[in-house]
Amino acid sequence: PNIQPTEDYSGGFLSHVKLYVFAEKCQIQGLKGMAAQHLHDVLRQFNCYLQRIEDIIDLVEYVYYDNPPEREQHEEILREVVSWYTANKLQK
C-alpha cells in the first residue's frame, strides 16, 4: 500500500483498466478477470490521501465517462470494482 500522499497511483489504476479493455476486445477471458482482480486488490490496499483523490477521480471518469458506446456494455465488472471502492473505502 501507499504510505506517502505523494505516491501517484493513477497510472497503475489505468493500466489495469486498459488491460481489461484490451482483454475484452480480444476475448481473453482469463486476462480480463485477472486485470479486474488486480485492480480490486490494488484499490483495497490504496490509502486515498486528500492529495491523491485525483487518482480516484481519473479512474472513475475513465471507467464511467470515457467509454465509446461499443465498449460501455462490457464495463460492468470494472464499474462494480470502482463502485465497491468508492462506496466502502472513501470517507470524509
N, C-alpha and C. Protein backbone atom coordinates (compact mmCIF):
# COMPACT_ATOMS: atom_id res chain seq x y z
N PRO A 1 0.83 -1.21 0.00
CA PRO A 1 0.00 0.00 0.00
C PRO A 1 0.86 1.26 0.00
N ASN A 2 0.27 2.32 -0.48
CA ASN A 2 1.00 3.59 -0.46
C ASN A 2 1.03 4.13 0.97
N ILE A 3 2.17 4.70 1.33
CA ILE A 3 2.31 5.22 2.69
C ILE A 3 2.57 6.72 2.71
N GLN A 4 2.77 7.30 1.55
CA GLN A 4 3.00 8.74 1.44
C GLN A 4 1.95 9.35 0.52
N PRO A 5 1.44 10.53 0.84
CA PRO A 5 0.44 11.16 -0.02
C PRO A 5 1.00 11.59 -1.37
N THR A 6 2.31 11.54 -1.54
CA THR A 6 2.91 11.94 -2.81
C THR A 6 3.00 10.79 -3.81
N GLU A 7 2.66 9.57 -3.40
CA GLU A 7 2.75 8.41 -4.29
C GLU A 7 1.58 8.42 -5.28
N ASP A 8 1.91 8.50 -6.56
CA ASP A 8 0.91 8.58 -7.63
C ASP A 8 0.56 7.19 -8.13
N TYR A 9 -0.70 6.82 -7.98
CA TYR A 9 -1.16 5.50 -8.41
C TYR A 9 -2.03 5.57 -9.67
N SER A 10 -2.26 6.75 -10.21
CA SER A 10 -3.20 6.88 -11.32
C SER A 10 -2.79 6.03 -12.52
N GLY A 11 -1.52 6.01 -12.85
CA GLY A 11 -1.06 5.19 -13.98
C GLY A 11 -1.27 3.71 -13.73
N GLY A 12 -1.05 3.28 -12.51
CA GLY A 12 -1.27 1.87 -12.15
C GLY A 12 -2.73 1.48 -12.26
N PHE A 13 -3.61 2.34 -11.75
CA PHE A 13 -5.04 2.05 -11.85
C PHE A 13 -5.46 1.92 -13.31
N LEU A 14 -5.07 2.92 -14.10
CA LEU A 14 -5.49 2.93 -15.50
C LEU A 14 -4.86 1.80 -16.30
N SER A 15 -3.67 1.35 -15.93
CA SER A 15 -3.07 0.23 -16.66
C SER A 15 -3.89 -1.04 -16.48
N HIS A 16 -4.43 -1.27 -15.29
CA HIS A 16 -5.29 -2.44 -15.07
C HIS A 16 -6.58 -2.31 -15.88
N VAL A 17 -7.14 -1.11 -15.90
CA VAL A 17 -8.38 -0.89 -16.65
C VAL A 17 -8.14 -1.07 -18.14
N LYS A 18 -7.07 -0.53 -18.66
CA LYS A 18 -6.78 -0.64 -20.09
C LYS A 18 -6.46 -2.08 -20.48
N LEU A 19 -5.81 -2.82 -19.59
CA LEU A 19 -5.57 -4.24 -19.85
C LEU A 19 -6.89 -5.00 -19.90
N TYR A 20 -7.80 -4.68 -19.01
CA TYR A 20 -9.13 -5.29 -19.01
C TYR A 20 -9.84 -5.02 -20.34
N VAL A 21 -9.81 -3.77 -20.79
CA VAL A 21 -10.46 -3.38 -22.05
C VAL A 21 -9.83 -4.14 -23.22
N PHE A 22 -8.51 -4.24 -23.24
CA PHE A 22 -7.81 -4.99 -24.28
C PHE A 22 -8.25 -6.45 -24.28
N ALA A 23 -8.28 -7.06 -23.08
CA ALA A 23 -8.67 -8.47 -22.97
C ALA A 23 -10.11 -8.67 -23.41
N GLU A 24 -10.97 -7.72 -23.11
CA GLU A 24 -12.37 -7.80 -23.54
C GLU A 24 -12.44 -7.75 -25.06
N LYS A 25 -11.71 -6.82 -25.65
CA LYS A 25 -11.72 -6.66 -27.10
C LYS A 25 -11.19 -7.92 -27.80
N CYS A 26 -10.16 -8.53 -27.23
CA CYS A 26 -9.55 -9.73 -27.81
C CYS A 26 -10.19 -11.02 -27.30
N GLN A 27 -11.20 -10.88 -26.45
CA GLN A 27 -11.93 -12.03 -25.91
C GLN A 27 -11.02 -13.00 -25.16
N ILE A 28 -10.16 -12.45 -24.31
CA ILE A 28 -9.27 -13.25 -23.48
C ILE A 28 -9.83 -13.20 -22.06
N GLN A 29 -10.74 -14.10 -21.76
CA GLN A 29 -11.49 -14.05 -20.51
C GLN A 29 -10.60 -14.14 -19.27
N GLY A 30 -9.61 -15.01 -19.29
CA GLY A 30 -8.73 -15.16 -18.13
C GLY A 30 -7.97 -13.88 -17.81
N LEU A 31 -7.48 -13.21 -18.85
CA LEU A 31 -6.76 -11.96 -18.67
C LEU A 31 -7.69 -10.86 -18.18
N LYS A 32 -8.89 -10.85 -18.70
CA LYS A 32 -9.89 -9.87 -18.28
C LYS A 32 -10.18 -10.02 -16.78
N GLY A 33 -10.40 -11.24 -16.35
CA GLY A 33 -10.66 -11.49 -14.94
C GLY A 33 -9.48 -11.14 -14.05
N MET A 34 -8.28 -11.45 -14.53
CA MET A 34 -7.08 -11.15 -13.77
C MET A 34 -6.89 -9.63 -13.63
N ALA A 35 -7.13 -8.89 -14.70
CA ALA A 35 -6.98 -7.44 -14.65
C ALA A 35 -7.98 -6.83 -13.66
N ALA A 36 -9.21 -7.31 -13.68
CA ALA A 36 -10.22 -6.81 -12.74
C ALA A 36 -9.84 -7.15 -11.30
N GLN A 37 -9.35 -8.35 -11.08
CA GLN A 37 -8.96 -8.77 -9.73
C GLN A 37 -7.76 -7.97 -9.23
N HIS A 38 -6.80 -7.71 -10.11
CA HIS A 38 -5.63 -6.93 -9.71
C HIS A 38 -6.03 -5.50 -9.37
N LEU A 39 -6.94 -4.93 -10.16
CA LEU A 39 -7.43 -3.58 -9.84
C LEU A 39 -8.09 -3.58 -8.47
N HIS A 40 -8.93 -4.57 -8.22
CA HIS A 40 -9.59 -4.68 -6.92
C HIS A 40 -8.56 -4.78 -5.79
N ASP A 41 -7.55 -5.62 -5.98
CA ASP A 41 -6.52 -5.81 -4.96
C ASP A 41 -5.74 -4.52 -4.67
N VAL A 42 -5.39 -3.80 -5.73
CA VAL A 42 -4.65 -2.55 -5.57
C VAL A 42 -5.52 -1.51 -4.86
N LEU A 43 -6.78 -1.42 -5.27
CA LEU A 43 -7.68 -0.45 -4.63
C LEU A 43 -7.91 -0.79 -3.16
N ARG A 44 -8.01 -2.05 -2.86
CA ARG A 44 -8.25 -2.48 -1.48
C ARG A 44 -7.12 -2.01 -0.56
N GLN A 45 -5.91 -1.95 -1.07
CA GLN A 45 -4.76 -1.54 -0.26
C GLN A 45 -4.42 -0.06 -0.37
N PHE A 46 -5.07 0.64 -1.29
CA PHE A 46 -4.75 2.04 -1.56
C PHE A 46 -5.28 2.94 -0.46
N ASN A 47 -4.40 3.77 0.10
CA ASN A 47 -4.81 4.79 1.06
C ASN A 47 -5.07 6.07 0.29
N CYS A 48 -6.29 6.52 0.26
CA CYS A 48 -6.63 7.70 -0.53
C CYS A 48 -6.46 8.97 0.29
N TYR A 49 -5.25 9.47 0.26
CA TYR A 49 -4.97 10.75 0.90
C TYR A 49 -5.65 11.86 0.10
N LEU A 50 -5.99 12.93 0.76
CA LEU A 50 -6.65 14.04 0.08
C LEU A 50 -5.85 14.49 -1.15
N GLN A 51 -4.53 14.47 -1.04
CA GLN A 51 -3.68 14.88 -2.16
C GLN A 51 -3.77 13.91 -3.34
N ARG A 52 -4.28 12.69 -3.14
CA ARG A 52 -4.33 11.68 -4.19
C ARG A 52 -5.75 11.42 -4.67
N ILE A 53 -6.71 12.21 -4.26
CA ILE A 53 -8.10 11.98 -4.67
C ILE A 53 -8.24 12.06 -6.19
N GLU A 54 -7.37 12.83 -6.82
CA GLU A 54 -7.41 12.96 -8.28
C GLU A 54 -7.14 11.61 -8.96
N ASP A 55 -6.35 10.75 -8.34
CA ASP A 55 -6.10 9.41 -8.90
C ASP A 55 -7.41 8.64 -9.01
N ILE A 56 -8.25 8.74 -7.98
CA ILE A 56 -9.54 8.04 -7.98
C ILE A 56 -10.50 8.70 -8.95
N ILE A 57 -10.50 10.03 -8.99
CA ILE A 57 -11.38 10.74 -9.93
C ILE A 57 -11.04 10.36 -11.36
N ASP A 58 -9.76 10.29 -11.70
CA ASP A 58 -9.35 9.88 -13.05
C ASP A 58 -9.84 8.47 -13.37
N LEU A 59 -9.74 7.58 -12.40
CA LEU A 59 -10.21 6.20 -12.58
C LEU A 59 -11.71 6.16 -12.82
N VAL A 60 -12.47 6.86 -11.99
CA VAL A 60 -13.93 6.88 -12.13
C VAL A 60 -14.32 7.48 -13.48
N GLU A 61 -13.69 8.57 -13.86
CA GLU A 61 -14.01 9.20 -15.15
C GLU A 61 -13.72 8.26 -16.31
N TYR A 62 -12.61 7.56 -16.25
CA TYR A 62 -12.27 6.65 -17.35
C TYR A 62 -13.27 5.50 -17.44
N VAL A 63 -13.61 4.92 -16.31
CA VAL A 63 -14.49 3.75 -16.31
C VAL A 63 -15.93 4.13 -16.64
N TYR A 64 -16.39 5.29 -16.16
CA TYR A 64 -17.79 5.66 -16.33
C TYR A 64 -18.06 6.60 -17.49
N TYR A 65 -17.11 7.47 -17.83
CA TYR A 65 -17.43 8.52 -18.79
C TYR A 65 -16.62 8.49 -20.08
N ASP A 66 -15.47 7.89 -20.09
CA ASP A 66 -14.63 7.89 -21.28
C ASP A 66 -14.84 6.64 -22.12
N ASN A 67 -16.10 6.22 -22.22
CA ASN A 67 -16.41 4.97 -22.92
C ASN A 67 -17.09 5.24 -24.25
N PRO A 68 -16.52 4.75 -25.33
CA PRO A 68 -17.29 4.76 -26.57
C PRO A 68 -18.46 3.79 -26.41
N PRO A 69 -19.57 4.01 -27.09
CA PRO A 69 -20.76 3.18 -26.91
C PRO A 69 -20.51 1.68 -27.06
N GLU A 70 -19.64 1.28 -27.97
CA GLU A 70 -19.38 -0.15 -28.17
C GLU A 70 -18.63 -0.78 -27.00
N ARG A 71 -17.99 0.02 -26.18
CA ARG A 71 -17.25 -0.51 -25.04
C ARG A 71 -18.08 -0.51 -23.76
N GLU A 72 -19.04 0.39 -23.68
CA GLU A 72 -19.76 0.60 -22.43
C GLU A 72 -20.45 -0.66 -21.90
N GLN A 73 -21.01 -1.46 -22.77
CA GLN A 73 -21.73 -2.65 -22.32
C GLN A 73 -20.83 -3.69 -21.68
N HIS A 74 -19.53 -3.61 -21.88
CA HIS A 74 -18.60 -4.60 -21.35
C HIS A 74 -17.89 -4.13 -20.08
N GLU A 75 -18.27 -2.98 -19.58
CA GLU A 75 -17.56 -2.38 -18.45
C GLU A 75 -18.19 -2.72 -17.09
N GLU A 76 -19.19 -3.56 -17.05
CA GLU A 76 -19.92 -3.79 -15.80
C GLU A 76 -19.01 -4.26 -14.66
N ILE A 77 -18.11 -5.19 -14.92
CA ILE A 77 -17.23 -5.69 -13.85
C ILE A 77 -16.32 -4.56 -13.34
N LEU A 78 -15.76 -3.78 -14.24
CA LEU A 78 -14.91 -2.66 -13.81
C LEU A 78 -15.71 -1.67 -12.97
N ARG A 79 -16.92 -1.39 -13.40
CA ARG A 79 -17.75 -0.46 -12.65
C ARG A 79 -18.09 -1.01 -11.27
N GLU A 80 -18.29 -2.30 -11.17
CA GLU A 80 -18.54 -2.90 -9.86
C GLU A 80 -17.33 -2.72 -8.94
N VAL A 81 -16.14 -2.93 -9.48
CA VAL A 81 -14.91 -2.79 -8.68
C VAL A 81 -14.75 -1.34 -8.21
N VAL A 82 -14.93 -0.40 -9.12
CA VAL A 82 -14.77 1.01 -8.78
C VAL A 82 -15.87 1.46 -7.82
N SER A 83 -17.09 1.01 -8.04
CA SER A 83 -18.20 1.35 -7.14
C SER A 83 -17.95 0.79 -5.75
N TRP A 84 -17.45 -0.44 -5.68
CA TRP A 84 -17.12 -1.03 -4.38
C TRP A 84 -16.13 -0.15 -3.64
N TYR A 85 -15.09 0.28 -4.33
CA TYR A 85 -14.07 1.10 -3.68
C TYR A 85 -14.66 2.41 -3.18
N THR A 86 -15.37 3.11 -4.06
CA THR A 86 -15.89 4.42 -3.67
C THR A 86 -16.92 4.30 -2.55
N ALA A 87 -17.71 3.25 -2.55
CA ALA A 87 -18.73 3.08 -1.51
C ALA A 87 -18.14 2.62 -0.18
N ASN A 88 -17.11 1.81 -0.22
CA ASN A 88 -16.60 1.20 1.01
C ASN A 88 -15.32 1.80 1.56
N LYS A 89 -14.57 2.46 0.75
CA LYS A 89 -13.26 2.93 1.20
C LYS A 89 -13.15 4.45 1.34
N LEU A 90 -13.91 5.19 0.54
CA LEU A 90 -13.79 6.64 0.63
C LEU A 90 -14.64 7.15 1.78
N GLN A 91 -14.04 7.91 2.62
CA GLN A 91 -14.74 8.53 3.74
C GLN A 91 -14.37 9.99 3.78
N LYS A 92 -15.14 10.74 4.53
CA LYS A 92 -14.90 12.17 4.64
C LYS A 92 -13.46 12.45 5.02
